[in-house]
Each structure stands twice: as C-alpha cells, then as structure tokens.
Amino acid sequence: MRRPPRVLMLFLDGVGIGRADREVNPFFAATLPAFRGLLDGELPHKSRRTIHSTRASVIPLDATLGIPGLPQSGTGQTTLFTGINAAKLIGKHYGPYPYSSLRTVIKEHNIFRALAGRGRTVFYANAYPQRYFEHLSSHRTRITATVMAWLESGFPLNGHAQLSEGSAIAADITNEHWVRLGFGHVPVISTKRAGERLLSILGKYDFVLYDFFHTDHAGHSRSMENAVGVLQTLDAFLGGILEAFDPDKNLLIITSDHGNIEDLSKKTHTRNPVPLIALGSQRAFITTRSKNLTHVTPAIIDLLS
C-alpha cells in the first residue's frame, strides 16, 4: 500500500476569490511568481474559480455555509478545522474568536486531536512571544480557533526557544517583529529561508499547520500598498517551500476561512468563495471531496488514515 503523503497546510486568514481587477484586488496588482508558477501563470478569479494546472489545482470553497451575513473567523476557522458547520450550529457567523458554545466542538473534533488519535504525528508551526502566554492566562476565551484546537488537544505552543532553534515559524515569517519586541537573540531570516525551514519541519511530522493572519489584517487596512507587500512576502515564503518540495511524498494545501483581502473596495469581509490550492501527492483526493469549509478536515483525516 502506498504511504500517505506528509501534509503541509498553509492557512491564510481572510483570502477570497475576487474579481481580476488590479484596482481593488491586490492579487492582480502584486508580483506573485510562486503562486502563478503553480497555476501555469494564472490566478483564480470570479470568472475562473477552478484551475487545474500541470503542478497544482485550485477550487472554490463556499465560506457562507448556508447562513446569512458575512462569514467571520470564529465560525469559519472552527468549521475548517473540525469539519462541523459552526455557523449553522449557533445560527450565525461569529468572530473573530469562537463562540463560547463552540469550545467543546473544537476540543472534541479538531484535526489535531483526530489525527493524533489515529496515530499520526501533528504539529502547529507558529511561535508565540512571552506576552502572548501572559495573555492566555487571563484571556483564555479570546484566542483563535486554531490556537484553541492545538491547546485543547493537549499540546504546548511554541515560544522563543523553538523559534531561535529553527523548529517553529514566526507569524510575520521573517522574525522582524520579534526583534522589535526585544528578542535580539532571534535572528531575522529571509522569507525564502523561512519557507525552507517550514518544509524541513514537515519532514518530522505527518501533518503540519502554519497560520498566516496578516492577509486579513491587510484586507482590513484597505491599503493596496500594504496588501501587495503582504502578498509578495507570502509569495516569497511559498517559493522557499516549493524549492525542495517533493510532490511524490508531500501534499501542500493552501486555504482560508472567509474573503477580505481580495476586495479592498469594501471595509468588511466578503461572501466570496475561498480558494483551496492543492499541490503534490494525491491532490485530487482533497479537491474532489471539497466543496465548502466543512469538507477539508474530513478529507485530510481520510487521506492520512
């Protein structure tokens, strides 16, 4: 029997499929050689939501989940990482943090716990500074669904020690924010090097998740310059991952929880579908089973089981 691939999931907060309009959509104003290289020079947009290239596939996922209103991170991320329609469960979209009644859902059904329970090794690659750990001690409910899923599965978050030794990745990718916080012993690295480092981390686990929230922040800023800069940093990071990526042994999944950055003409999130990009071994296993946010985690669990 063929060994299941190692799965690397890049979660990009607030990325939808918008219009191919460089005036409002920074994806079409930015220079993105890594993303375009995956998709034979193209990018998904409202008139072409599905692309199957020689290297990768991108399909649209419904993020509205059959509920009126604008999708939010609390319910969107809960749904994405558990496979349960959180917005339907509580009757509304809610965020940025999970609704209180969703904590049990996250604890019992999240992807980390499910895979670990099946004997698979899992890792949440983000590193957090000391002040975040201090925040956790008094604001345990004001954390993202991603962090909640990891902690409720009984795993510790990475801190400055793991970041310094290269076994975790900073939220800003390059560690520059950590230096501004006073962690002078944490070396600043290039976006490409960070991508290479994340791929090397994947070699130790069956499933690795990295969470990038700056895309959502850039969308809320409504600054084209800021959004383009964030996307180009992300693209260079992806380029570092792809440089030594083995598509026969690994599977890369890139997806999001709701739209935002793809339409800077709006102050809010959007109801646009979000992309699911899959590259590597058995990519069709994921793309053919996924039509909305509820389908991604069950498909990954099935693949790795």
C-alpha atoms as a PDB file:
ATOM      1  CA  MET A   1       0.000   0.000   0.000  1.00  0.00           C
ATOM      2  CA  ARG A   2       1.247   3.467  -0.863  1.00  0.00           C
ATOM      3  CA  ARG A   3       2.324   5.547   2.146  1.00  0.00           C
ATOM      4  CA  PRO A   4       0.090   8.589   2.731  1.00  0.00           C
ATOM      5  CA  PRO A   5       1.840  11.881   1.979  1.00  0.00           C
ATOM      6  CA  ARG A   6       3.057  14.286   4.609  1.00  0.00           C
ATOM      7  CA  VAL A   7       0.545  17.139   4.597  1.00  0.00           C
ATOM      8  CA  LEU A   8       1.513  20.792   4.988  1.00  0.00           C
ATOM      9  CA  MET A   9      -1.439  23.153   5.392  1.00  0.00           C
ATOM     10  CA  LEU A  10      -0.990  26.901   4.968  1.00  0.00           C
ATOM     11  CA  PHE A  11      -3.977  28.668   6.471  1.00  0.00           C
ATOM     12  CA  LEU A  12      -4.350  32.211   5.100  1.00  0.00           C
ATOM     13  CA  ASP A  13      -6.816  34.299   7.079  1.00  0.00           C
ATOM     14  CA  GLY A  14      -9.202  36.427   5.018  1.00  0.00           C
ATOM     15  CA  VAL A  15      -8.477  35.377   1.419  1.00  0.00           C
ATOM     16  CA  GLY A  16     -11.304  35.018  -1.065  1.00  0.00           C
ATOM     17  CA  ILE A  17     -11.624  34.681  -4.834  1.00  0.00           C
ATOM     18  CA  GLY A  18     -12.419  38.128  -6.205  1.00  0.00           C
ATOM     19  CA  ARG A  19     -12.507  39.998  -9.497  1.00  0.00           C
ATOM     20  CA  ALA A  20      -9.479  40.103 -11.794  1.00  0.00           C
ATOM     21  CA  ASP A  21      -9.239  43.846 -11.165  1.00  0.00           C
ATOM     22  CA  ARG A  22      -5.891  45.281 -10.066  1.00  0.00           C
ATOM     23  CA  GLU A  23      -7.631  48.435  -8.801  1.00  0.00           C
ATOM     24  CA  VAL A  24      -9.320  46.568  -5.930  1.00  0.00           C
ATOM     25  CA  ASN A  25      -7.755  43.090  -5.861  1.00  0.00           C
ATOM     26  CA  PRO A  26      -4.089  43.112  -4.749  1.00  0.00           C
ATOM     27  CA  PHE A  27      -3.557  39.615  -6.120  1.00  0.00           C
ATOM     28  CA  PHE A  28      -3.657  41.212  -9.573  1.00  0.00           C
ATOM     29  CA  ALA A  29      -1.513  44.198  -8.578  1.00  0.00           C
ATOM     30  CA  ALA A  30       1.218  42.186  -6.874  1.00  0.00           C
ATOM     31  CA  THR A  31       4.104  40.259  -8.423  1.00  0.00           C
ATOM     32  CA  LEU A  32       3.499  36.641  -7.408  1.00  0.00           C
ATOM     33  CA  PRO A  33       5.839  34.300  -9.302  1.00  0.00           C
ATOM     34  CA  ALA A  34       5.422  31.363  -6.902  1.00  0.00           C
ATOM     35  CA  PHE A  35       1.624  31.372  -6.935  1.00  0.00           C
ATOM     36  CA  ARG A  36       1.476  31.937 -10.686  1.00  0.00           C
ATOM     37  CA  GLY A  37       4.140  29.287 -11.255  1.00  0.00           C
ATOM     38  CA  LEU A  38       1.922  26.718  -9.561  1.00  0.00           C
ATOM     39  CA  LEU A  39      -1.012  27.594 -11.799  1.00  0.00           C
ATOM     40  CA  ASP A  40       0.653  27.906 -15.207  1.00  0.00           C
ATOM     41  CA  GLY A  41       0.849  31.678 -14.947  1.00  0.00           C
ATOM     42  CA  GLU A  42      -2.726  32.234 -13.805  1.00  0.00           C
ATOM     43  CA  LEU A  43      -4.573  33.158 -10.625  1.00  0.00           C
ATOM     44  CA  PRO A  44      -8.171  32.262  -9.709  1.00  0.00           C
ATOM     45  CA  HIS A  45     -10.814  34.972 -10.053  1.00  0.00           C
ATOM     46  CA  LYS A  46     -14.576  35.209 -10.238  1.00  0.00           C
ATOM     47  CA  SER A  47     -14.685  34.292 -13.912  1.00  0.00           C
ATOM     48  CA  ARG A  48     -12.317  31.355 -13.456  1.00  0.00           C
ATOM     49  CA  ARG A  49     -12.643  29.891  -9.998  1.00  0.00           C
ATOM     50  CA  THR A  50     -11.272  26.444 -10.836  1.00  0.00           C
ATOM     51  CA  ILE A  51      -7.827  25.855 -12.335  1.00  0.00           C
ATOM     52  CA  HIS A  52      -6.095  22.521 -12.902  1.00  0.00           C
ATOM     53  CA  SER A  53      -2.511  23.128 -13.975  1.00  0.00           C
ATOM     54  CA  THR A  54       0.352  20.739 -14.567  1.00  0.00           C
ATOM     55  CA  ARG A  55       1.523  21.228 -10.956  1.00  0.00           C
ATOM     56  CA  ALA A  56      -1.470  22.126  -8.831  1.00  0.00           C
ATOM     57  CA  SER A  57      -5.220  22.557  -8.611  1.00  0.00           C
ATOM     58  CA  VAL A  58      -7.302  25.376  -7.185  1.00  0.00           C
ATOM     59  CA  ILE A  59     -11.004  25.049  -6.481  1.00  0.00           C
ATOM     60  CA  PRO A  60     -13.512  27.407  -4.789  1.00  0.00           C
ATOM     61  CA  LEU A  61     -14.901  26.601  -1.344  1.00  0.00           C
ATOM     62  CA  ASP A  62     -18.183  28.060  -0.107  1.00  0.00           C
ATOM     63  CA  ALA A  63     -17.471  30.004   3.087  1.00  0.00           C
ATOM     64  CA  THR A  64     -21.049  31.223   3.677  1.00  0.00           C
ATOM     65  CA  LEU A  65     -22.131  27.801   4.990  1.00  0.00           C
ATOM     66  CA  GLY A  66     -25.781  28.477   4.145  1.00  0.00           C
ATOM     67  CA  ILE A  67     -26.067  31.243   6.752  1.00  0.00           C
ATOM     68  CA  PRO A  68     -26.982  34.901   6.016  1.00  0.00           C
ATOM     69  CA  GLY A  69     -24.498  37.633   6.836  1.00  0.00           C
ATOM     70  CA  LEU A  70     -20.767  37.959   6.392  1.00  0.00           C
ATOM     71  CA  PRO A  71     -18.527  34.988   7.239  1.00  0.00           C
ATOM     72  CA  GLN A  72     -16.308  35.517  10.284  1.00  0.00           C
ATOM     73  CA  SER A  73     -13.110  33.936  11.590  1.00  0.00           C
ATOM     74  CA  GLY A  74     -14.542  32.361  14.745  1.00  0.00           C
ATOM     75  CA  THR A  75     -17.087  30.212  12.948  1.00  0.00           C
ATOM     76  CA  GLY A  76     -15.111  29.889   9.706  1.00  0.00           C
ATOM     77  CA  GLN A  77     -11.971  28.563  11.352  1.00  0.00           C
ATOM     78  CA  THR A  78     -13.947  26.284  13.653  1.00  0.00           C
ATOM     79  CA  THR A  79     -15.669  24.821  10.612  1.00  0.00           C
ATOM     80  CA  LEU A  80     -12.462  24.484   8.616  1.00  0.00           C
ATOM     81  CA  PHE A  81     -10.530  22.720  11.390  1.00  0.00           C
ATOM     82  CA  THR A  82     -13.329  20.454  12.659  1.00  0.00           C
ATOM     83  CA  GLY A  83     -15.492  19.717   9.617  1.00  0.00           C
ATOM     84  CA  ILE A  84     -18.585  20.842  11.546  1.00  0.00           C
ATOM     85  CA  ASN A  85     -20.702  23.753  10.304  1.00  0.00           C
ATOM     86  CA  ALA A  86     -20.179  26.089  13.257  1.00  0.00           C
ATOM     87  CA  ALA A  87     -22.242  28.952  11.803  1.00  0.00           C
ATOM     88  CA  LYS A  88     -25.219  26.648  11.371  1.00  0.00           C
ATOM     89  CA  LEU A  89     -24.715  25.241  14.847  1.00  0.00           C
ATOM     90  CA  ILE A  90     -25.018  28.651  16.538  1.00  0.00           C
ATOM     91  CA  GLY A  91     -27.292  30.191  13.895  1.00  0.00           C
ATOM     92  CA  LYS A  92     -24.946  32.972  12.790  1.00  0.00           C
ATOM     93  CA  HIS A  93     -21.479  33.887  11.655  1.00  0.00           C
ATOM     94  CA  TYR A  94     -19.354  34.926  14.619  1.00  0.00           C
ATOM     95  CA  GLY A  95     -15.847  36.179  15.235  1.00  0.00           C
ATOM     96  CA  PRO A  96     -13.037  36.888  15.479  1.00  0.00           C
ATOM     97  CA  TYR A  97     -12.900  34.325  18.299  1.00  0.00           C
ATOM     98  CA  PRO A  98     -15.038  31.190  18.583  1.00  0.00           C
ATOM     99  CA  TYR A  99     -18.446  31.499  20.250  1.00  0.00           C
ATOM    100  CA  SER A 100     -18.383  30.065  23.788  1.00  0.00           C
ATOM    101  CA  SER A 101     -20.508  27.016  22.943  1.00  0.00           C
ATOM    102  CA  LEU A 102     -18.068  26.057  20.170  1.00  0.00           C
ATOM    103  CA  ARG A 103     -15.240  25.316  22.576  1.00  0.00           C
ATOM    104  CA  THR A 104     -16.447  21.755  23.149  1.00  0.00           C
ATOM    105  CA  VAL A 105     -16.820  21.225  19.393  1.00  0.00           C
ATOM    106  CA  ILE A 106     -13.265  22.421  18.832  1.00  0.00           C
ATOM    107  CA  LYS A 107     -11.889  20.305  21.673  1.00  0.00           C
ATOM    108  CA  GLU A 108     -13.556  17.085  20.590  1.00  0.00           C
ATOM    109  CA  HIS A 109     -13.451  17.302  16.795  1.00  0.00           C
ATOM    110  CA  ASN A 110     -10.397  19.313  15.741  1.00  0.00           C
ATOM    111  CA  ILE A 111      -7.970  17.988  13.143  1.00  0.00           C
ATOM    112  CA  PHE A 112      -5.014  17.723  15.556  1.00  0.00           C
ATOM    113  CA  ARG A 113      -6.891  15.516  18.009  1.00  0.00           C
ATOM    114  CA  ALA A 114      -8.440  13.429  15.244  1.00  0.00           C
ATOM    115  CA  LEU A 115      -5.128  12.694  13.544  1.00  0.00           C
ATOM    116  CA  ALA A 116      -3.223  12.115  16.781  1.00  0.00           C
ATOM    117  CA  GLY A 117      -5.936   9.685  17.825  1.00  0.00           C
ATOM    118  CA  ARG A 118      -5.244   7.728  14.660  1.00  0.00           C
ATOM    119  CA  GLY A 119      -1.540   7.501  15.395  1.00  0.00           C
ATOM    120  CA  ARG A 120      -0.419  10.370  13.176  1.00  0.00           C
ATOM    121  CA  THR A 121       2.127  12.967  14.284  1.00  0.00           C
ATOM    122  CA  VAL A 122       0.908  16.572  14.160  1.00  0.00           C
ATOM    123  CA  PHE A 123       2.481  19.996  14.619  1.00  0.00           C
ATOM    124  CA  TYR A 124       1.303  23.605  14.800  1.00  0.00           C
ATOM    125  CA  ALA A 125       4.296  25.517  13.453  1.00  0.00           C
ATOM    126  CA  ASN A 126       3.593  29.058  14.726  1.00  0.00           C
ATOM    127  CA  ALA A 127       5.714  30.528  17.522  1.00  0.00           C
ATOM    128  CA  TYR A 128       4.381  32.995  20.100  1.00  0.00           C
ATOM    129  CA  PRO A 129       6.202  35.578  22.267  1.00  0.00           C
ATOM    130  CA  GLN A 130       6.057  35.572  26.055  1.00  0.00           C
ATOM    131  CA  ARG A 131       3.443  38.295  26.210  1.00  0.00           C
ATOM    132  CA  TYR A 132       1.032  36.017  24.348  1.00  0.00           C
ATOM    133  CA  PHE A 133       1.430  33.349  27.029  1.00  0.00           C
ATOM    134  CA  GLU A 134       0.675  36.032  29.612  1.00  0.00           C
ATOM    135  CA  HIS A 135      -2.417  36.968  27.611  1.00  0.00           C
ATOM    136  CA  LEU A 136      -3.571  33.330  27.667  1.00  0.00           C
ATOM    137  CA  SER A 137      -3.509  33.203  31.456  1.00  0.00           C
ATOM    138  CA  SER A 138      -6.216  35.862  31.729  1.00  0.00           C
ATOM    139  CA  HIS A 139      -7.981  35.752  28.347  1.00  0.00           C
ATOM    140  CA  ARG A 140      -8.387  32.046  27.649  1.00  0.00           C
ATOM    141  CA  THR A 141     -11.593  32.641  25.652  1.00  0.00           C
ATOM    142  CA  ARG A 142     -10.081  35.381  23.466  1.00  0.00           C
ATOM    143  CA  ILE A 143      -7.956  33.088  21.316  1.00  0.00           C
ATOM    144  CA  THR A 144      -8.358  31.919  17.756  1.00  0.00           C
ATOM    145  CA  ALA A 145      -9.916  28.602  16.850  1.00  0.00           C
ATOM    146  CA  THR A 146      -6.506  27.434  15.610  1.00  0.00           C
ATOM    147  CA  VAL A 147      -4.771  28.045  18.927  1.00  0.00           C
ATOM    148  CA  MET A 148      -7.754  26.671  20.844  1.00  0.00           C
ATOM    149  CA  ALA A 149      -7.697  23.464  18.792  1.00  0.00           C
ATOM    150  CA  TRP A 150      -3.993  22.933  19.490  1.00  0.00           C
ATOM    151  CA  LEU A 151      -4.180  23.664  23.206  1.00  0.00           C
ATOM    152  CA  GLU A 152      -7.382  21.674  23.754  1.00  0.00           C
ATOM    153  CA  SER A 153      -5.651  18.701  22.142  1.00  0.00           C
ATOM    154  CA  GLY A 154      -3.092  18.804  24.928  1.00  0.00           C
ATOM    155  CA  PHE A 155      -0.146  20.238  23.004  1.00  0.00           C
ATOM    156  CA  PRO A 156       2.038  23.214  24.041  1.00  0.00           C
ATOM    157  CA  LEU A 157       2.514  26.301  21.900  1.00  0.00           C
ATOM    158  CA  ASN A 158       5.959  27.124  20.540  1.00  0.00           C
ATOM    159  CA  GLY A 159       7.824  30.054  22.097  1.00  0.00           C
ATOM    160  CA  HIS A 160      11.043  31.974  21.514  1.00  0.00           C
ATOM    161  CA  ALA A 161      13.222  28.927  22.226  1.00  0.00           C
ATOM    162  CA  GLN A 162      11.696  26.936  19.361  1.00  0.00           C
ATOM    163  CA  LEU A 163      11.835  29.968  17.063  1.00  0.00           C
ATOM    164  CA  SER A 164      15.505  30.587  17.872  1.00  0.00           C
ATOM    165  CA  GLU A 165      16.475  26.990  17.159  1.00  0.00           C
ATOM    166  CA  GLY A 166      14.562  26.947  13.870  1.00  0.00           C
ATOM    167  CA  SER A 167      11.861  24.462  14.843  1.00  0.00           C
ATOM    168  CA  ALA A 168       8.983  26.964  14.573  1.00  0.00           C
ATOM    169  CA  ILE A 169       7.956  29.882  12.341  1.00  0.00           C
ATOM    170  CA  ALA A 170       7.029  33.428  13.359  1.00  0.00           C
ATOM    171  CA  ALA A 171       3.638  34.860  12.434  1.00  0.00           C
ATOM    172  CA  ASP A 172       5.403  37.550  10.375  1.00  0.00           C
ATOM    173  CA  ILE A 173       7.551  34.849   8.679  1.00  0.00           C
ATOM    174  CA  THR A 174      10.904  36.690   8.934  1.00  0.00           C
ATOM    175  CA  ASN A 175      11.120  37.223  12.758  1.00  0.00           C
ATOM    176  CA  GLU A 176      11.403  41.006  12.319  1.00  0.00           C
ATOM    177  CA  HIS A 177       8.501  41.633  14.705  1.00  0.00           C
ATOM    178  CA  TRP A 178      10.233  39.571  17.381  1.00  0.00           C
ATOM    179  CA  VAL A 179      13.331  41.751  17.131  1.00  0.00           C
ATOM    180  CA  ARG A 180      11.138  44.846  17.574  1.00  0.00           C
ATOM    181  CA  LEU A 181       9.712  43.208  20.711  1.00  0.00           C
ATOM    182  CA  GLY A 182      13.221  42.986  22.137  1.00  0.00           C
ATOM    183  CA  PHE A 183      14.178  39.416  21.243  1.00  0.00           C
ATOM    184  CA  GLY A 184      17.575  40.368  19.837  1.00  0.00           C
ATOM    185  CA  HIS A 185      18.808  36.780  20.023  1.00  0.00           C
ATOM    186  CA  VAL A 186      16.171  35.681  17.490  1.00  0.00           C
ATOM    187  CA  PRO A 187      17.783  36.008  14.048  1.00  0.00           C
ATOM    188  CA  VAL A 188      15.961  37.776  11.232  1.00  0.00           C
ATOM    189  CA  ILE A 189      15.712  35.403   8.263  1.00  0.00           C
ATOM    190  CA  SER A 190      14.619  35.808   4.662  1.00  0.00           C
ATOM    191  CA  THR A 191      11.140  34.818   3.576  1.00  0.00           C
ATOM    192  CA  LYS A 192      12.682  32.169   1.337  1.00  0.00           C
ATOM    193  CA  ARG A 193      14.685  30.730   4.244  1.00  0.00           C
ATOM    194  CA  ALA A 194      11.543  30.625   6.388  1.00  0.00           C
ATOM    195  CA  GLY A 195       9.806  28.616   3.673  1.00  0.00           C
ATOM    196  CA  GLU A 196      12.708  26.182   3.503  1.00  0.00           C
ATOM    197  CA  ARG A 197      12.601  25.880   7.292  1.00  0.00           C
ATOM    198  CA  LEU A 198       8.879  25.078   7.294  1.00  0.00           C
ATOM    199  CA  LEU A 199       9.406  22.369   4.697  1.00  0.00           C
ATOM    200  CA  SER A 200      12.174  20.847   6.819  1.00  0.00           C
ATOM    201  CA  ILE A 201       9.779  20.820   9.794  1.00  0.00           C
ATOM    202  CA  LEU A 202       7.283  18.899   7.655  1.00  0.00           C
ATOM    203  CA  GLY A 203       9.856  16.120   7.318  1.00  0.00           C
ATOM    204  CA  LYS A 204       9.345  15.263  11.004  1.00  0.00           C
ATOM    205  CA  TYR A 205       5.529  15.014  11.061  1.00  0.00           C
ATOM    206  CA  ASP A 206       2.548  13.620   9.188  1.00  0.00           C
ATOM    207  CA  PHE A 207       0.585  16.887   9.377  1.00  0.00           C
ATOM    208  CA  VAL A 208       1.848  20.449   9.885  1.00  0.00           C
ATOM    209  CA  LEU A 209      -0.264  23.608  10.039  1.00  0.00           C
ATOM    210  CA  TYR A 210       1.007  27.166   9.658  1.00  0.00           C
ATOM    211  CA  ASP A 211      -1.343  30.089  10.316  1.00  0.00           C
ATOM    212  CA  PHE A 212      -0.818  33.418   8.487  1.00  0.00           C
ATOM    213  CA  PHE A 213      -3.201  36.161   9.636  1.00  0.00           C
ATOM    214  CA  HIS A 214      -1.560  39.204   8.022  1.00  0.00           C
ATOM    215  CA  THR A 215      -3.669  38.752   4.894  1.00  0.00           C
ATOM    216  CA  ASP A 216      -6.820  39.516   6.884  1.00  0.00           C
ATOM    217  CA  HIS A 217      -5.169  42.483   8.588  1.00  0.00           C
ATOM    218  CA  ALA A 218      -4.084  43.829   5.195  1.00  0.00           C
ATOM    219  CA  GLY A 219      -7.612  43.493   3.900  1.00  0.00           C
ATOM    220  CA  HIS A 220      -8.993  45.491   6.797  1.00  0.00           C
ATOM    221  CA  SER A 221      -6.355  48.184   6.209  1.00  0.00           C
ATOM    222  CA  ARG A 222      -7.760  48.763   2.702  1.00  0.00           C
ATOM    223  CA  SER A 223      -4.258  49.855   1.686  1.00  0.00           C
ATOM    224  CA  MET A 224      -3.199  48.498  -1.700  1.00  0.00           C
ATOM    225  CA  GLU A 225       0.458  49.116  -0.878  1.00  0.00           C
ATOM    226  CA  ASN A 226       0.174  47.189   2.386  1.00  0.00           C
ATOM    227  CA  ALA A 227      -1.803  44.345   0.822  1.00  0.00           C
ATOM    228  CA  VAL A 228       0.602  43.970  -2.093  1.00  0.00           C
ATOM    229  CA  GLY A 229       3.542  43.887   0.320  1.00  0.00           C
ATOM    230  CA  VAL A 230       1.923  41.172   2.430  1.00  0.00           C
ATOM    231  CA  LEU A 231       1.110  39.049  -0.612  1.00  0.00           C
ATOM    232  CA  GLN A 232       4.600  39.382  -2.047  1.00  0.00           C
ATOM    233  CA  THR A 233       6.109  38.340   1.295  1.00  0.00           C
ATOM    234  CA  LEU A 234       3.783  35.352   1.325  1.00  0.00           C
ATOM    235  CA  ASP A 235       4.729  34.512  -2.257  1.00  0.00           C
ATOM    236  CA  ALA A 236       8.452  34.513  -1.435  1.00  0.00           C
ATOM    237  CA  PHE A 237       7.705  32.285   1.561  1.00  0.00           C
ATOM    238  CA  LEU A 238       5.834  29.895  -0.729  1.00  0.00           C
ATOM    239  CA  GLY A 239       8.790  29.974  -3.111  1.00  0.00           C
ATOM    240  CA  GLY A 240      11.061  28.769  -0.308  1.00  0.00           C
ATOM    241  CA  ILE A 241       8.678  25.900   0.435  1.00  0.00           C
ATOM    242  CA  LEU A 242       8.489  24.873  -3.202  1.00  0.00           C
ATOM    243  CA  GLU A 243      12.226  24.899  -3.851  1.00  0.00           C
ATOM    244  CA  ALA A 244      12.750  21.446  -2.289  1.00  0.00           C
ATOM    245  CA  PHE A 245       9.140  20.288  -2.226  1.00  0.00           C
ATOM    246  CA  ASP A 246       8.746  16.639  -3.283  1.00  0.00           C
ATOM    247  CA  PRO A 247       5.283  16.241  -4.839  1.00  0.00           C
ATOM    248  CA  ASP A 248       5.564  12.453  -4.726  1.00  0.00           C
ATOM    249  CA  LYS A 249       5.901  12.392  -0.933  1.00  0.00           C
ATOM    250  CA  ASN A 250       4.210  15.612   0.209  1.00  0.00           C
ATOM    251  CA  LEU A 251       0.882  17.364  -0.167  1.00  0.00           C
ATOM    252  CA  LEU A 252       0.562  21.133   0.199  1.00  0.00           C
ATOM    253  CA  ILE A 253      -2.880  22.581   0.950  1.00  0.00           C
ATOM    254  CA  ILE A 254      -3.468  26.346   0.978  1.00  0.00           C
ATOM    255  CA  THR A 255      -6.867  27.680   2.001  1.00  0.00           C
ATOM    256  CA  SER A 256      -8.757  30.290   4.023  1.00  0.00           C
ATOM    257  CA  ASP A 257     -11.798  30.909   6.223  1.00  0.00           C
ATOM    258  CA  HIS A 258     -13.506  33.865   4.506  1.00  0.00           C
ATOM    259  CA  GLY A 259     -12.933  36.563   1.927  1.00  0.00           C
ATOM    260  CA  ASN A 260     -11.469  40.005   2.645  1.00  0.00           C
ATOM    261  CA  ILE A 261      -8.154  40.994   1.062  1.00  0.00           C
ATOM    262  CA  GLU A 262      -9.367  40.227  -2.468  1.00  0.00           C
ATOM    263  CA  ASP A 263     -11.676  43.269  -2.473  1.00  0.00           C
ATOM    264  CA  LEU A 264     -10.193  46.417  -0.943  1.00  0.00           C
ATOM    265  CA  SER A 265     -13.217  48.438  -2.035  1.00  0.00           C
ATOM    266  CA  LYS A 266     -15.053  47.004   0.979  1.00  0.00           C
ATOM    267  CA  LYS A 267     -14.430  47.692   4.672  1.00  0.00           C
ATOM    268  CA  THR A 268     -15.749  44.282   5.672  1.00  0.00           C
ATOM    269  CA  HIS A 269     -15.320  40.619   4.950  1.00  0.00           C
ATOM    270  CA  THR A 270     -16.910  39.309   1.760  1.00  0.00           C
ATOM    271  CA  ARG A 271     -19.182  36.416   0.857  1.00  0.00           C
ATOM    272  CA  ASN A 272     -16.817  35.341  -1.907  1.00  0.00           C
ATOM    273  CA  PRO A 273     -15.708  31.722  -2.074  1.00  0.00           C
ATOM    274  CA  VAL A 274     -12.245  30.988  -0.713  1.00  0.00           C
ATOM    275  CA  PRO A 275      -9.582  29.144  -2.708  1.00  0.00           C
ATOM    276  CA  LEU A 276      -8.316  25.686  -1.911  1.00  0.00           C
ATOM    277  CA  ILE A 277      -4.969  25.131  -3.625  1.00  0.00           C
ATOM    278  CA  ALA A 278      -3.552  21.619  -3.597  1.00  0.00           C
ATOM    279  CA  LEU A 279      -0.115  20.574  -4.815  1.00  0.00           C
ATOM    280  CA  GLY A 280       1.520  17.188  -4.718  1.00  0.00           C
ATOM    281  CA  SER A 281       0.742  13.623  -3.936  1.00  0.00           C
ATOM    282  CA  GLN A 282      -2.943  12.729  -4.134  1.00  0.00           C
ATOM    283  CA  ARG A 283      -4.117  16.334  -4.566  1.00  0.00           C
ATOM    284  CA  ALA A 284      -7.245  15.070  -6.298  1.00  0.00           C
ATOM    285  CA  PHE A 285      -8.170  13.195  -3.120  1.00  0.00           C
ATOM    286  CA  ILE A 286      -8.689  16.561  -1.427  1.00  0.00           C
ATOM    287  CA  THR A 287     -10.078  18.662  -4.278  1.00  0.00           C
ATOM    288  CA  THR A 288     -12.689  16.153  -5.429  1.00  0.00           C
ATOM    289  CA  ARG A 289     -14.102  15.851  -1.897  1.00  0.00           C
ATOM    290  CA  SER A 290     -14.185  19.548  -1.015  1.00  0.00           C
ATOM    291  CA  LYS A 291     -16.938  21.987  -1.904  1.00  0.00           C
ATOM    292  CA  ASN A 292     -17.176  24.054   1.288  1.00  0.00           C
ATOM    293  CA  LEU A 293     -15.297  24.600   4.547  1.00  0.00           C
ATOM    294  CA  THR A 294     -16.820  21.515   6.192  1.00  0.00           C
ATOM    295  CA  HIS A 295     -15.111  19.127   3.778  1.00  0.00           C
ATOM    296  CA  VAL A 296     -11.393  19.899   4.156  1.00  0.00           C
ATOM    297  CA  THR A 297     -10.607  18.372   7.565  1.00  0.00           C
ATOM    298  CA  PRO A 298     -12.575  15.146   6.916  1.00  0.00           C
ATOM    299  CA  ALA A 299     -10.755  14.735   3.588  1.00  0.00           C
ATOM    300  CA  ILE A 300      -7.333  15.176   5.220  1.00  0.00           C
ATOM    301  CA  ILE A 301      -8.236  12.744   8.014  1.00  0.00           C
ATOM    302  CA  ASP A 302      -9.432  10.166   5.481  1.00  0.00           C
ATOM    303  CA  LEU A 303      -6.248  10.576   3.449  1.00  0.00           C
ATOM    304  CA  LEU A 304      -3.931  10.180   6.424  1.00  0.00           C
ATOM    305  CA  SER A 305      -5.944   7.354   7.943  1.00  0.00           C
END
